[in-house]
Each structure stands twice: as C-alpha cells, then as structure tokens.
Amino acid sequence: MVQFDFPDMKAKEYDQVWQDLRNAGHANPKGLIHHVGAPTEKGMKVVDIWESAEKFNEFGKTLMPILTKQGFKATEPVVLPIYTVYDGGKSVLAS
C-alpha cells in the first residue's frame, strides 16, 4: 500500500496529473490494483494498492517528473506491506 499526501493540491491539479500520466502512456499503470484520491482540508490524499513495491517504483519514474512539472515537491510516500484486504464481502489475508 502506498499513501501520499499532497498539501495545497486542488482537484483540478490532481486531474491534470492524471491527464499528464495518460499522455505519457499510463492510463492504466502496470501493477496498480486500486487507486483512491480524496480531497482533504489541506489538499489531496492518495492511497494505492500495487502488486509490488518494484512496480510502484517503476511508475514513480514517470509520476515524479509530472508532479515536479505541476509545481509539487516530491513528497515521500508512506509504503506499508498489506496485511489484509476486504473486498465486497471477502476478507483475504495478504502474503
């Protein structure tokens, strides 16, 4: 699981990051299982579930320059191993 907080990011800027990712060939980032973006009082919070840290790191090579271009500092993501996932009535222990 990867969690980012983007202080001062507005929904319009978040949408532009996704448009830039699509333009860079990442409409469906390889290895991304779930993505959630939510507005907060301070900006935007993003929580992703990736197949592996390696796939996230590979995607980051495209994401980070886009964020920099949009004027956002590279924030350190919180990366945590998943213990369990609840999905539509199913609870699956992650390994």
C-alpha atoms as a PDB file:
ATOM      1  CA  MET A   1       0.000   0.000   0.000  1.00  0.00           C
ATOM      2  CA  VAL A   2       1.292   3.438  -0.906  1.00  0.00           C
ATOM      3  CA  GLN A   3      -0.077   6.619   0.655  1.00  0.00           C
ATOM      4  CA  PHE A   4       0.698  10.167  -0.456  1.00  0.00           C
ATOM      5  CA  ASP A   5      -0.411  13.484   0.997  1.00  0.00           C
ATOM      6  CA  PHE A   6      -0.252  16.455  -1.357  1.00  0.00           C
ATOM      7  CA  PRO A   7      -0.663  19.690   0.602  1.00  0.00           C
ATOM      8  CA  ASP A   8      -2.263  22.524  -1.364  1.00  0.00           C
ATOM      9  CA  MET A   9      -3.186  20.288  -4.325  1.00  0.00           C
ATOM     10  CA  LYS A  10      -6.625  21.064  -5.706  1.00  0.00           C
ATOM     11  CA  ALA A  11      -8.905  18.637  -7.546  1.00  0.00           C
ATOM     12  CA  LYS A  12      -8.199  20.438 -10.848  1.00  0.00           C
ATOM     13  CA  GLU A  13      -4.435  19.922 -10.377  1.00  0.00           C
ATOM     14  CA  TYR A  14      -4.994  16.275  -9.424  1.00  0.00           C
ATOM     15  CA  ASP A  15      -6.993  15.833 -12.641  1.00  0.00           C
ATOM     16  CA  GLN A  16      -4.153  17.426 -14.631  1.00  0.00           C
ATOM     17  CA  VAL A  17      -1.632  14.986 -13.135  1.00  0.00           C
ATOM     18  CA  TRP A  18      -3.834  12.104 -14.332  1.00  0.00           C
ATOM     19  CA  GLN A  19      -4.131  13.688 -17.778  1.00  0.00           C
ATOM     20  CA  ASP A  20      -0.345  14.012 -17.969  1.00  0.00           C
ATOM     21  CA  LEU A  21       0.002  10.361 -16.893  1.00  0.00           C
ATOM     22  CA  ARG A  22      -2.418   9.292 -19.644  1.00  0.00           C
ATOM     23  CA  ASN A  23      -0.469  11.384 -22.160  1.00  0.00           C
ATOM     24  CA  ALA A  24       2.701   9.587 -21.025  1.00  0.00           C
ATOM     25  CA  GLY A  25       1.107   6.178 -21.708  1.00  0.00           C
ATOM     26  CA  HIS A  26      -0.003   5.415 -18.153  1.00  0.00           C
ATOM     27  CA  ALA A  27      -3.796   5.441 -18.463  1.00  0.00           C
ATOM     28  CA  ASN A  28      -3.709   2.089 -16.671  1.00  0.00           C
ATOM     29  CA  PRO A  29      -0.423   1.964 -14.754  1.00  0.00           C
ATOM     30  CA  LYS A  30       1.091  -1.518 -14.863  1.00  0.00           C
ATOM     31  CA  GLY A  31       0.857  -3.157 -11.434  1.00  0.00           C
ATOM     32  CA  LEU A  32      -1.683  -0.711  -9.975  1.00  0.00           C
ATOM     33  CA  ILE A  33      -4.569  -2.647  -8.429  1.00  0.00           C
ATOM     34  CA  HIS A  34      -6.586   0.117  -6.700  1.00  0.00           C
ATOM     35  CA  HIS A  35      -6.273   3.890  -6.588  1.00  0.00           C
ATOM     36  CA  VAL A  36      -8.207   6.312  -4.382  1.00  0.00           C
ATOM     37  CA  GLY A  37      -7.837  10.079  -4.447  1.00  0.00           C
ATOM     38  CA  ALA A  38      -9.642  12.168  -1.843  1.00  0.00           C
ATOM     39  CA  PRO A  39      -9.749  15.874  -1.075  1.00  0.00           C
ATOM     40  CA  THR A  40      -8.730  16.818   2.456  1.00  0.00           C
ATOM     41  CA  GLU A  41      -8.722  20.086   4.374  1.00  0.00           C
ATOM     42  CA  LYS A  42      -5.068  20.519   3.381  1.00  0.00           C
ATOM     43  CA  GLY A  43      -5.026  19.192  -0.205  1.00  0.00           C
ATOM     44  CA  MET A  44      -5.313  15.695  -1.652  1.00  0.00           C
ATOM     45  CA  LYS A  45      -4.650  12.252  -0.188  1.00  0.00           C
ATOM     46  CA  VAL A  46      -3.879   9.305  -2.457  1.00  0.00           C
ATOM     47  CA  VAL A  47      -3.918   5.661  -1.412  1.00  0.00           C
ATOM     48  CA  ASP A  48      -2.821   2.998  -3.897  1.00  0.00           C
ATOM     49  CA  ILE A  49      -2.585  -0.764  -3.794  1.00  0.00           C
ATOM     50  CA  TRP A  50       0.227  -2.066  -6.007  1.00  0.00           C
ATOM     51  CA  GLU A  51       1.238  -5.588  -6.988  1.00  0.00           C
ATOM     52  CA  SER A  52       4.710  -4.835  -5.635  1.00  0.00           C
ATOM     53  CA  ALA A  53       6.944  -2.030  -4.445  1.00  0.00           C
ATOM     54  CA  GLU A  54       9.044  -2.572  -7.560  1.00  0.00           C
ATOM     55  CA  LYS A  55       6.087  -1.806  -9.855  1.00  0.00           C
ATOM     56  CA  PHE A  56       5.303   1.325  -7.856  1.00  0.00           C
ATOM     57  CA  ASN A  57       8.944   2.438  -8.035  1.00  0.00           C
ATOM     58  CA  GLU A  58       8.963   1.938 -11.804  1.00  0.00           C
ATOM     59  CA  PHE A  59       5.782   4.029 -12.132  1.00  0.00           C
ATOM     60  CA  GLY A  60       7.362   6.693  -9.914  1.00  0.00           C
ATOM     61  CA  LYS A  61       9.942   7.346 -12.646  1.00  0.00           C
ATOM     62  CA  THR A  62       7.084   8.828 -14.683  1.00  0.00           C
ATOM     63  CA  LEU A  63       4.992  10.244 -11.827  1.00  0.00           C
ATOM     64  CA  MET A  64       7.646  12.283 -10.029  1.00  0.00           C
ATOM     65  CA  PRO A  65       8.675  14.447 -13.031  1.00  0.00           C
ATOM     66  CA  ILE A  66       4.988  15.135 -13.719  1.00  0.00           C
ATOM     67  CA  LEU A  67       4.438  16.269 -10.125  1.00  0.00           C
ATOM     68  CA  THR A  68       7.530  18.472 -10.342  1.00  0.00           C
ATOM     69  CA  LYS A  69       6.276  19.974 -13.614  1.00  0.00           C
ATOM     70  CA  GLN A  70       2.972  20.792 -11.887  1.00  0.00           C
ATOM     71  CA  GLY A  71       4.897  22.577  -9.125  1.00  0.00           C
ATOM     72  CA  PHE A  72       4.554  19.994  -6.366  1.00  0.00           C
ATOM     73  CA  LYS A  73       7.500  18.939  -4.267  1.00  0.00           C
ATOM     74  CA  ALA A  74       8.303  15.249  -4.309  1.00  0.00           C
ATOM     75  CA  THR A  75       6.680  14.063  -1.117  1.00  0.00           C
ATOM     76  CA  GLU A  76       7.830  10.858   0.496  1.00  0.00           C
ATOM     77  CA  PRO A  77       5.119   8.242   0.206  1.00  0.00           C
ATOM     78  CA  VAL A  78       4.262   6.004   3.123  1.00  0.00           C
ATOM     79  CA  VAL A  79       4.777   2.437   1.872  1.00  0.00           C
ATOM     80  CA  LEU A  80       3.352  -0.357   4.020  1.00  0.00           C
ATOM     81  CA  PRO A  81       3.012  -4.087   3.467  1.00  0.00           C
ATOM     82  CA  ILE A  82      -0.620  -5.153   3.269  1.00  0.00           C
ATOM     83  CA  TYR A  83      -1.828  -7.471   5.978  1.00  0.00           C
ATOM     84  CA  THR A  84      -5.406  -7.941   4.834  1.00  0.00           C
ATOM     85  CA  VAL A  85      -7.818  -6.705   2.176  1.00  0.00           C
ATOM     86  CA  TYR A  86     -11.604  -6.569   2.483  1.00  0.00           C
ATOM     87  CA  ASP A  87     -13.278  -6.589  -0.921  1.00  0.00           C
ATOM     88  CA  GLY A  88     -17.026  -6.915  -1.384  1.00  0.00           C
ATOM     89  CA  GLY A  89     -17.646  -9.269   1.494  1.00  0.00           C
ATOM     90  CA  LYS A  90     -14.374 -11.145   1.072  1.00  0.00           C
ATOM     91  CA  SER A  91     -11.524 -10.821   3.510  1.00  0.00           C
ATOM     92  CA  VAL A  92      -8.261 -12.088   2.086  1.00  0.00           C
ATOM     93  CA  LEU A  93      -5.089 -12.398   4.130  1.00  0.00           C
ATOM     94  CA  ALA A  94      -2.213 -10.961   2.132  1.00  0.00           C
ATOM     95  CA  SER A  95       1.027 -12.869   2.000  1.00  0.00           C
END
